[in-house]
Amino acid sequence: MRGNHSAAFVCAALVVFGAGNALATDEDGGEDAVQWSGEVEASASATTGNTENTQLGLKAKFKRQAGRFIHVLAGNVNYAEQVAHDEEGKEFAKRTQDRWMASYQIDAQLRDRTHGYVRAQYDEDQFSGFNKRWFVGVGLGQDVIANEQVTWSVEAGPGYRWSELADTPSIPGAPRARHEFAAYADSDFNLQLRENVSVEQNANVTYADSNTTYDTAVGLKTKLTETLSSKVSYQVKYETDPPDGRENKDTMLKASLLLGF
């Protein structure tokens, strides 16, 4: 795979970091013990014959709860390449997807179902026209529904976004960076259909004057064992004003295996 090695390194570091700290959790089980939980999701596919494609996906999310504070560390990588041929008929690997993201959020419980948060996120997507993007924000969250069958939580608040745009040959002299105030909102919904089957839906939006990003995913998750699950998911990412004639919408359908603790 001739992809972005830093992307793979970041997600691998997340997996090692989360797993290592989970194993190091206090064993006394007292009230002051640090509680860790997490989930690692992996997907891969390959085709040969008339077309040769390789697709890899890795997603990790870890939570550390200490008192009324919850630390959430997350990251994901999606990479794809296909074998193409040049004018002389020689084969070469052509990247068709190279996207990764890492985020850190700390929640502070304010009331029974209300929390405040501070969030930082960094992402790269070489094919969207946004080479690099940072977002830092604060806000409030609310657990709207919380029972054994249905959970639904929402978050929202202001922030600041910095974006580095790809080269724009069609517009000479166009700015390659955007600095602007932004707003972030997130909705996380889970419905337990049966004992081992659930529907998960996450939607978030980052609003800014120059461009707004919508990212939503829905998945059907089936628990196979205490720690292993399978999931089929569909994701849509939409940019209202992508640079240099890029497409507004990206979609992804994938089947994954998940390891949780």
C-alpha atoms as a PDB file:
ATOM      1  CA  MET A   1       0.000   0.000   0.000  1.00  0.00           C
ATOM      2  CA  ARG A   2       1.506   3.305  -1.059  1.00  0.00           C
ATOM      3  CA  GLY A   3      -0.643   5.464   1.150  1.00  0.00           C
ATOM      4  CA  ASN A   4      -0.121   8.159   3.703  1.00  0.00           C
ATOM      5  CA  HIS A   5       2.052   6.413   6.291  1.00  0.00           C
ATOM      6  CA  SER A   6       1.330   9.071   8.903  1.00  0.00           C
ATOM      7  CA  ALA A   7      -2.376   8.193   8.746  1.00  0.00           C
ATOM      8  CA  ALA A   8      -1.725   4.522   9.463  1.00  0.00           C
ATOM      9  CA  PHE A   9       0.710   5.468  12.211  1.00  0.00           C
ATOM     10  CA  VAL A  10      -1.841   7.694  13.942  1.00  0.00           C
ATOM     11  CA  CYS A  11      -4.531   5.001  14.053  1.00  0.00           C
ATOM     12  CA  ALA A  12      -2.045   2.315  15.076  1.00  0.00           C
ATOM     13  CA  ALA A  13      -0.886   4.584  17.893  1.00  0.00           C
ATOM     14  CA  LEU A  14      -4.508   5.053  18.984  1.00  0.00           C
ATOM     15  CA  VAL A  15      -5.046   1.297  19.155  1.00  0.00           C
ATOM     16  CA  VAL A  16      -1.847   0.678  21.132  1.00  0.00           C
ATOM     17  CA  PHE A  17      -2.482   3.654  23.416  1.00  0.00           C
ATOM     18  CA  GLY A  18      -6.052   2.683  24.222  1.00  0.00           C
ATOM     19  CA  ALA A  19      -5.371  -1.018  24.657  1.00  0.00           C
ATOM     20  CA  GLY A  20      -2.317  -0.369  26.819  1.00  0.00           C
ATOM     21  CA  ASN A  21      -4.110   2.009  29.128  1.00  0.00           C
ATOM     22  CA  ALA A  22      -7.133  -0.270  29.363  1.00  0.00           C
ATOM     23  CA  LEU A  23      -4.912  -3.091  30.576  1.00  0.00           C
ATOM     24  CA  ALA A  24      -3.307  -0.697  33.048  1.00  0.00           C
ATOM     25  CA  THR A  25      -6.661   0.278  34.612  1.00  0.00           C
ATOM     26  CA  ASP A  26      -6.741   0.093  38.400  1.00  0.00           C
ATOM     27  CA  GLU A  27      -7.537  -3.429  39.558  1.00  0.00           C
ATOM     28  CA  ASP A  28      -8.989  -2.551  42.966  1.00  0.00           C
ATOM     29  CA  GLY A  29     -12.359  -1.595  41.433  1.00  0.00           C
ATOM     30  CA  GLY A  30     -12.838   1.171  43.987  1.00  0.00           C
ATOM     31  CA  GLU A  31     -14.699   4.388  43.419  1.00  0.00           C
ATOM     32  CA  ASP A  32     -11.474   6.193  42.497  1.00  0.00           C
ATOM     33  CA  ALA A  33     -10.457   3.601  39.883  1.00  0.00           C
ATOM     34  CA  VAL A  34     -10.039   4.931  36.358  1.00  0.00           C
ATOM     35  CA  GLN A  35     -12.510   3.290  33.995  1.00  0.00           C
ATOM     36  CA  TRP A  36     -11.524   2.607  30.398  1.00  0.00           C
ATOM     37  CA  SER A  37     -13.710   1.453  27.520  1.00  0.00           C
ATOM     38  CA  GLY A  38     -13.129   1.346  23.808  1.00  0.00           C
ATOM     39  CA  GLU A  39     -13.806  -0.111  20.405  1.00  0.00           C
ATOM     40  CA  VAL A  40     -11.659  -0.864  17.362  1.00  0.00           C
ATOM     41  CA  GLU A  41     -13.342  -1.285  13.970  1.00  0.00           C
ATOM     42  CA  ALA A  42     -11.566  -2.718  10.912  1.00  0.00           C
ATOM     43  CA  SER A  43     -12.650  -3.330   7.327  1.00  0.00           C
ATOM     44  CA  ALA A  44     -10.797  -4.514   4.225  1.00  0.00           C
ATOM     45  CA  SER A  45     -11.585  -5.682   0.710  1.00  0.00           C
ATOM     46  CA  ALA A  46      -9.711  -6.566  -2.463  1.00  0.00           C
ATOM     47  CA  THR A  47     -10.739  -7.436  -6.015  1.00  0.00           C
ATOM     48  CA  THR A  48      -8.716  -9.000  -8.827  1.00  0.00           C
ATOM     49  CA  GLY A  49      -9.353  -9.762 -12.471  1.00  0.00           C
ATOM     50  CA  ASN A  50     -10.541  -7.091 -14.873  1.00  0.00           C
ATOM     51  CA  THR A  51     -10.197  -4.540 -12.067  1.00  0.00           C
ATOM     52  CA  GLU A  52      -7.826  -4.652  -9.114  1.00  0.00           C
ATOM     53  CA  ASN A  53      -8.832  -2.618  -6.079  1.00  0.00           C
ATOM     54  CA  THR A  54      -7.740  -2.511  -2.457  1.00  0.00           C
ATOM     55  CA  GLN A  55      -9.742  -0.825   0.309  1.00  0.00           C
ATOM     56  CA  LEU A  56      -8.721  -0.565   3.946  1.00  0.00           C
ATOM     57  CA  GLY A  57     -10.474   1.058   6.883  1.00  0.00           C
ATOM     58  CA  LEU A  58      -9.557   1.410  10.544  1.00  0.00           C
ATOM     59  CA  LYS A  59     -11.467   3.223  13.254  1.00  0.00           C
ATOM     60  CA  ALA A  60     -10.718   3.446  16.968  1.00  0.00           C
ATOM     61  CA  LYS A  61     -12.442   5.160  19.881  1.00  0.00           C
ATOM     62  CA  PHE A  62     -11.409   5.084  23.535  1.00  0.00           C
ATOM     63  CA  LYS A  63     -13.042   6.594  26.630  1.00  0.00           C
ATOM     64  CA  ARG A  64     -11.406   7.235  29.985  1.00  0.00           C
ATOM     65  CA  GLN A  65     -13.699   8.186  32.862  1.00  0.00           C
ATOM     66  CA  ALA A  66     -12.234   9.649  36.041  1.00  0.00           C
ATOM     67  CA  GLY A  67     -14.779  11.125  38.411  1.00  0.00           C
ATOM     68  CA  ARG A  68     -17.018  13.571  36.569  1.00  0.00           C
ATOM     69  CA  PHE A  69     -14.585  13.925  33.649  1.00  0.00           C
ATOM     70  CA  ILE A  70     -14.625  11.774  30.504  1.00  0.00           C
ATOM     71  CA  HIS A  71     -11.765  11.845  27.997  1.00  0.00           C
ATOM     72  CA  VAL A  72     -12.590  10.633  24.464  1.00  0.00           C
ATOM     73  CA  LEU A  73      -9.831   9.889  21.950  1.00  0.00           C
ATOM     74  CA  ALA A  74     -10.905   8.852  18.433  1.00  0.00           C
ATOM     75  CA  GLY A  75      -9.408   8.376  14.997  1.00  0.00           C
ATOM     76  CA  ASN A  76     -10.123   6.752  11.653  1.00  0.00           C
ATOM     77  CA  VAL A  77      -8.392   6.018   8.360  1.00  0.00           C
ATOM     78  CA  ASN A  78      -9.965   5.142   5.005  1.00  0.00           C
ATOM     79  CA  TYR A  79      -7.605   4.278   2.154  1.00  0.00           C
ATOM     80  CA  ALA A  80      -8.246   2.830  -1.311  1.00  0.00           C
ATOM     81  CA  GLU A  81      -6.165   2.276  -4.419  1.00  0.00           C
ATOM     82  CA  GLN A  82      -6.638   0.609  -7.785  1.00  0.00           C
ATOM     83  CA  VAL A  83      -4.253  -0.708 -10.396  1.00  0.00           C
ATOM     84  CA  ALA A  84      -4.224   1.519 -13.503  1.00  0.00           C
ATOM     85  CA  HIS A  85      -2.195   1.557 -16.718  1.00  0.00           C
ATOM     86  CA  ASP A  86      -0.233   4.394 -18.296  1.00  0.00           C
ATOM     87  CA  GLU A  87      -0.020   5.161 -22.026  1.00  0.00           C
ATOM     88  CA  GLU A  88       2.671   2.503 -22.431  1.00  0.00           C
ATOM     89  CA  GLY A  89       0.558  -0.133 -20.731  1.00  0.00           C
ATOM     90  CA  LYS A  90       2.610  -0.253 -17.550  1.00  0.00           C
ATOM     91  CA  GLU A  91       0.777  -0.837 -14.293  1.00  0.00           C
ATOM     92  CA  PHE A  92       0.836   1.629 -11.431  1.00  0.00           C
ATOM     93  CA  ALA A  93      -1.085   2.033  -8.202  1.00  0.00           C
ATOM     94  CA  LYS A  94      -3.532   4.936  -8.228  1.00  0.00           C
ATOM     95  CA  ARG A  95      -4.937   6.200  -4.938  1.00  0.00           C
ATOM     96  CA  THR A  96      -8.687   6.745  -5.041  1.00  0.00           C
ATOM     97  CA  GLN A  97      -9.221   7.542  -1.354  1.00  0.00           C
ATOM     98  CA  ASP A  98      -6.904   8.835   1.362  1.00  0.00           C
ATOM     99  CA  ARG A  99      -8.821  10.239   4.323  1.00  0.00           C
ATOM    100  CA  TRP A 100      -7.998  10.292   8.020  1.00  0.00           C
ATOM    101  CA  MET A 101      -9.104  12.068  11.182  1.00  0.00           C
ATOM    102  CA  ALA A 102      -8.078  12.307  14.825  1.00  0.00           C
ATOM    103  CA  SER A 103      -9.967  14.017  17.641  1.00  0.00           C
ATOM    104  CA  TYR A 104      -9.793  14.568  21.377  1.00  0.00           C
ATOM    105  CA  GLN A 105     -12.658  15.682  23.607  1.00  0.00           C
ATOM    106  CA  ILE A 106     -13.012  16.137  27.328  1.00  0.00           C
ATOM    107  CA  ASP A 107     -16.477  16.184  28.916  1.00  0.00           C
ATOM    108  CA  ALA A 108     -17.263  17.558  32.357  1.00  0.00           C
ATOM    109  CA  GLN A 109     -20.508  16.378  33.925  1.00  0.00           C
ATOM    110  CA  LEU A 110     -22.494  19.424  35.082  1.00  0.00           C
ATOM    111  CA  ARG A 111     -25.834  17.824  35.955  1.00  0.00           C
ATOM    112  CA  ASP A 112     -27.377  14.376  35.764  1.00  0.00           C
ATOM    113  CA  ARG A 113     -27.818  14.520  31.960  1.00  0.00           C
ATOM    114  CA  THR A 114     -25.905  17.698  31.050  1.00  0.00           C
ATOM    115  CA  HIS A 115     -22.201  18.126  30.354  1.00  0.00           C
ATOM    116  CA  GLY A 116     -19.818  20.733  29.025  1.00  0.00           C
ATOM    117  CA  TYR A 117     -17.065  19.851  26.569  1.00  0.00           C
ATOM    118  CA  VAL A 118     -13.861  21.051  24.935  1.00  0.00           C
ATOM    119  CA  ARG A 119     -13.102  19.502  21.539  1.00  0.00           C
ATOM    120  CA  ALA A 120     -10.134  19.503  19.145  1.00  0.00           C
ATOM    121  CA  GLN A 121     -10.177  17.762  15.748  1.00  0.00           C
ATOM    122  CA  TYR A 122      -7.728  17.410  12.857  1.00  0.00           C
ATOM    123  CA  ASP A 123      -8.465  15.812   9.480  1.00  0.00           C
ATOM    124  CA  GLU A 124      -6.890  15.337   6.062  1.00  0.00           C
ATOM    125  CA  ASP A 125      -8.599  14.382   2.800  1.00  0.00           C
ATOM    126  CA  GLN A 126      -6.440  14.775  -0.291  1.00  0.00           C
ATOM    127  CA  PHE A 127      -9.372  14.286  -2.659  1.00  0.00           C
ATOM    128  CA  SER A 128     -11.860  16.730  -1.143  1.00  0.00           C
ATOM    129  CA  GLY A 129      -9.794  19.849  -1.857  1.00  0.00           C
ATOM    130  CA  PHE A 130      -9.144  20.438   1.855  1.00  0.00           C
ATOM    131  CA  ASN A 131      -5.600  19.241   2.514  1.00  0.00           C
ATOM    132  CA  LYS A 132      -5.669  19.922   6.259  1.00  0.00           C
ATOM    133  CA  ARG A 133      -8.287  21.166   8.697  1.00  0.00           C
ATOM    134  CA  TRP A 134      -8.213  22.025  12.387  1.00  0.00           C
ATOM    135  CA  PHE A 135     -11.253  22.674  14.550  1.00  0.00           C
ATOM    136  CA  VAL A 136     -11.264  23.730  18.218  1.00  0.00           C
ATOM    137  CA  GLY A 137     -14.497  24.398  20.087  1.00  0.00           C
ATOM    138  CA  VAL A 138     -16.441  24.352  23.347  1.00  0.00           C
ATOM    139  CA  GLY A 139     -20.088  23.708  24.091  1.00  0.00           C
ATOM    140  CA  LEU A 140     -22.795  21.884  26.001  1.00  0.00           C
ATOM    141  CA  GLY A 141     -24.242  18.395  25.637  1.00  0.00           C
ATOM    142  CA  GLN A 142     -27.495  16.799  26.753  1.00  0.00           C
ATOM    143  CA  ASP A 143     -28.612  13.181  27.130  1.00  0.00           C
ATOM    144  CA  VAL A 144     -32.114  13.522  25.672  1.00  0.00           C
ATOM    145  CA  ILE A 145     -33.046   9.839  26.083  1.00  0.00           C
ATOM    146  CA  ALA A 146     -31.217   7.300  28.222  1.00  0.00           C
ATOM    147  CA  ASN A 147     -32.751   3.883  28.841  1.00  0.00           C
ATOM    148  CA  GLU A 148     -31.952   0.253  28.070  1.00  0.00           C
ATOM    149  CA  GLN A 149     -33.567   0.340  24.614  1.00  0.00           C
ATOM    150  CA  VAL A 150     -32.903   3.869  23.326  1.00  0.00           C
ATOM    151  CA  THR A 151     -30.134   6.402  23.918  1.00  0.00           C
ATOM    152  CA  TRP A 152     -29.884   9.799  22.257  1.00  0.00           C
ATOM    153  CA  SER A 153     -27.402  12.548  23.081  1.00  0.00           C
ATOM    154  CA  VAL A 154     -26.785  15.911  21.413  1.00  0.00           C
ATOM    155  CA  GLU A 155     -23.989  18.494  21.606  1.00  0.00           C
ATOM    156  CA  ALA A 156     -23.508  21.991  20.203  1.00  0.00           C
ATOM    157  CA  GLY A 157     -21.260  24.990  20.613  1.00  0.00           C
ATOM    158  CA  PRO A 158     -19.032  27.616  18.952  1.00  0.00           C
ATOM    159  CA  GLY A 159     -15.494  27.113  17.736  1.00  0.00           C
ATOM    160  CA  TYR A 160     -12.748  28.138  15.334  1.00  0.00           C
ATOM    161  CA  ARG A 161     -11.761  26.433  12.088  1.00  0.00           C
ATOM    162  CA  TRP A 162      -8.555  26.628  10.081  1.00  0.00           C
ATOM    163  CA  SER A 163      -8.396  25.022   6.624  1.00  0.00           C
ATOM    164  CA  GLU A 164      -5.572  24.550   4.136  1.00  0.00           C
ATOM    165  CA  LEU A 165      -6.952  24.262   0.608  1.00  0.00           C
ATOM    166  CA  ALA A 166      -5.470  22.325  -2.297  1.00  0.00           C
ATOM    167  CA  ASP A 167      -3.914  24.209  -5.207  1.00  0.00           C
ATOM    168  CA  THR A 168      -6.505  25.925  -7.394  1.00  0.00           C
ATOM    169  CA  PRO A 169      -5.061  26.100 -10.925  1.00  0.00           C
ATOM    170  CA  SER A 170      -8.331  27.424 -12.371  1.00  0.00           C
ATOM    171  CA  ILE A 171      -8.173  30.474 -10.082  1.00  0.00           C
ATOM    172  CA  PRO A 172      -4.596  31.847 -10.032  1.00  0.00           C
ATOM    173  CA  GLY A 173      -3.753  33.666  -6.841  1.00  0.00           C
ATOM    174  CA  ALA A 174      -6.636  32.119  -4.880  1.00  0.00           C
ATOM    175  CA  PRO A 175      -5.999  31.935  -1.115  1.00  0.00           C
ATOM    176  CA  ARG A 176      -4.820  28.561   0.162  1.00  0.00           C
ATOM    177  CA  ALA A 177      -5.984  29.011   3.760  1.00  0.00           C
ATOM    178  CA  ARG A 178      -9.178  29.936   5.560  1.00  0.00           C
ATOM    179  CA  HIS A 179      -9.388  31.146   9.159  1.00  0.00           C
ATOM    180  CA  GLU A 180     -12.884  31.630  10.515  1.00  0.00           C
ATOM    181  CA  PHE A 181     -15.253  31.252  13.406  1.00  0.00           C
ATOM    182  CA  ALA A 182     -17.402  28.122  13.220  1.00  0.00           C
ATOM    183  CA  ALA A 183     -20.061  26.157  15.074  1.00  0.00           C
ATOM    184  CA  TYR A 184     -20.266  22.434  15.773  1.00  0.00           C
ATOM    185  CA  ALA A 185     -23.277  20.209  16.505  1.00  0.00           C
ATOM    186  CA  ASP A 186     -23.495  16.445  16.978  1.00  0.00           C
ATOM    187  CA  SER A 187     -26.297  13.899  17.406  1.00  0.00           C
ATOM    188  CA  ASP A 188     -25.639  10.324  18.578  1.00  0.00           C
ATOM    189  CA  PHE A 189     -28.572   7.856  18.501  1.00  0.00           C
ATOM    190  CA  ASN A 190     -28.719   4.165  19.387  1.00  0.00           C
ATOM    191  CA  LEU A 191     -31.730   1.830  19.189  1.00  0.00           C
ATOM    192  CA  GLN A 192     -31.624  -1.714  20.582  1.00  0.00           C
ATOM    193  CA  LEU A 193     -33.724  -3.839  18.217  1.00  0.00           C
ATOM    194  CA  ARG A 194     -33.081  -7.196  19.875  1.00  0.00           C
ATOM    195  CA  GLU A 195     -30.760  -8.532  22.537  1.00  0.00           C
ATOM    196  CA  ASN A 196     -27.704  -8.573  20.245  1.00  0.00           C
ATOM    197  CA  VAL A 197     -28.811  -6.305  17.379  1.00  0.00           C
ATOM    198  CA  SER A 198     -28.816  -2.512  17.407  1.00  0.00           C
ATOM    199  CA  VAL A 199     -29.014   0.454  15.040  1.00  0.00           C
ATOM    200  CA  GLU A 200     -26.473   3.268  15.450  1.00  0.00           C
ATOM    201  CA  GLN A 201     -26.808   6.691  13.865  1.00  0.00           C
ATOM    202  CA  ASN A 202     -24.400   9.601  14.204  1.00  0.00           C
ATOM    203  CA  ALA A 203     -24.738  12.973  12.507  1.00  0.00           C
ATOM    204  CA  ASN A 204     -22.555  16.038  12.955  1.00  0.00           C
ATOM    205  CA  VAL A 205     -22.209  19.383  11.248  1.00  0.00           C
ATOM    206  CA  THR A 206     -19.421  21.957  11.325  1.00  0.00           C
ATOM    207  CA  TYR A 207     -20.766  25.306  10.156  1.00  0.00           C
ATOM    208  CA  ALA A 208     -18.554  28.080   8.788  1.00  0.00           C
ATOM    209  CA  ASP A 209     -19.294  31.032   6.528  1.00  0.00           C
ATOM    210  CA  SER A 210     -17.160  29.777   3.626  1.00  0.00           C
ATOM    211  CA  ASN A 211     -18.094  26.081   3.824  1.00  0.00           C
ATOM    212  CA  THR A 212     -20.243  23.803   5.970  1.00  0.00           C
ATOM    213  CA  THR A 213     -19.475  20.116   6.478  1.00  0.00           C
ATOM    214  CA  TYR A 214     -22.217  17.534   7.091  1.00  0.00           C
ATOM    215  CA  ASP A 215     -21.180  14.028   8.108  1.00  0.00           C
ATOM    216  CA  THR A 216     -23.718  11.318   8.898  1.00  0.00           C
ATOM    217  CA  ALA A 217     -23.485   7.546   9.257  1.00  0.00           C
ATOM    218  CA  VAL A 218     -25.994   4.819  10.063  1.00  0.00           C
ATOM    219  CA  GLY A 219     -25.092   1.233  10.885  1.00  0.00           C
ATOM    220  CA  LEU A 220     -26.619  -2.120  11.846  1.00  0.00           C
ATOM    221  CA  LYS A 221     -24.523  -3.756  14.557  1.00  0.00           C
ATOM    222  CA  THR A 222     -24.716  -7.415  15.562  1.00  0.00           C
ATOM    223  CA  LYS A 223     -22.986  -8.667  18.683  1.00  0.00           C
ATOM    224  CA  LEU A 224     -21.293 -12.013  18.036  1.00  0.00           C
ATOM    225  CA  THR A 225     -19.513 -12.562  21.363  1.00  0.00           C
ATOM    226  CA  GLU A 226     -18.867 -10.512  24.490  1.00  0.00           C
ATOM    227  CA  THR A 227     -16.105  -8.569  22.714  1.00  0.00           C
ATOM    228  CA  LEU A 228     -16.615  -9.177  18.979  1.00  0.00           C
ATOM    229  CA  SER A 229     -19.304  -7.604  16.757  1.00  0.00           C
ATOM    230  CA  SER A 230     -20.045  -7.124  13.074  1.00  0.00           C
ATOM    231  CA  LYS A 231     -21.484  -4.007  11.465  1.00  0.00           C
ATOM    232  CA  VAL A 232     -22.794  -2.856   8.098  1.00  0.00           C
ATOM    233  CA  SER A 233     -22.768   0.935   7.745  1.00  0.00           C
ATOM    234  CA  TYR A 234     -23.444   3.687   5.243  1.00  0.00           C
ATOM    235  CA  GLN A 235     -21.810   7.114   5.506  1.00  0.00           C
ATOM    236  CA  VAL A 236     -22.488  10.380   3.664  1.00  0.00           C
ATOM    237  CA  LYS A 237     -20.165  13.375   3.841  1.00  0.00           C
ATOM    238  CA  TYR A 238     -21.279  16.631   2.226  1.00  0.00           C
ATOM    239  CA  GLU A 239     -19.371  19.900   1.723  1.00  0.00           C
ATOM    240  CA  THR A 240     -21.500  22.912   0.755  1.00  0.00           C
ATOM    241  CA  ASP A 241     -18.679  24.770  -1.022  1.00  0.00           C
ATOM    242  CA  PRO A 242     -15.669  22.547  -1.846  1.00  0.00           C
ATOM    243  CA  PRO A 243     -12.723  24.210  -3.648  1.00  0.00           C
ATOM    244  CA  ASP A 244     -11.656  23.863  -7.267  1.00  0.00           C
ATOM    245  CA  GLY A 245     -14.726  22.083  -8.619  1.00  0.00           C
ATOM    246  CA  ARG A 246     -14.567  19.107  -6.260  1.00  0.00           C
ATOM    247  CA  GLU A 247     -17.726  17.028  -5.796  1.00  0.00           C
ATOM    248  CA  ASN A 248     -19.925  18.045  -2.893  1.00  0.00           C
ATOM    249  CA  LYS A 249     -20.797  14.544  -1.712  1.00  0.00           C
ATOM    250  CA  ASP A 250     -18.818  11.426  -0.774  1.00  0.00           C
ATOM    251  CA  THR A 251     -20.514   8.178   0.245  1.00  0.00           C
ATOM    252  CA  MET A 252     -19.179   4.957   1.706  1.00  0.00           C
ATOM    253  CA  LEU A 253     -20.808   1.554   2.246  1.00  0.00           C
ATOM    254  CA  LYS A 254     -18.804  -1.002   4.215  1.00  0.00           C
ATOM    255  CA  ALA A 255     -18.922  -4.103   6.366  1.00  0.00           C
ATOM    256  CA  SER A 256     -16.673  -4.208   9.436  1.00  0.00           C
ATOM    257  CA  LEU A 257     -15.589  -6.300  12.393  1.00  0.00           C
ATOM    258  CA  LEU A 258     -15.403  -4.588  15.796  1.00  0.00           C
ATOM    259  CA  LEU A 259     -13.443  -5.490  18.902  1.00  0.00           C
ATOM    260  CA  GLY A 260     -14.666  -3.850  22.108  1.00  0.00           C
ATOM    261  CA  PHE A 261     -13.739  -3.854  25.763  1.00  0.00           C
END
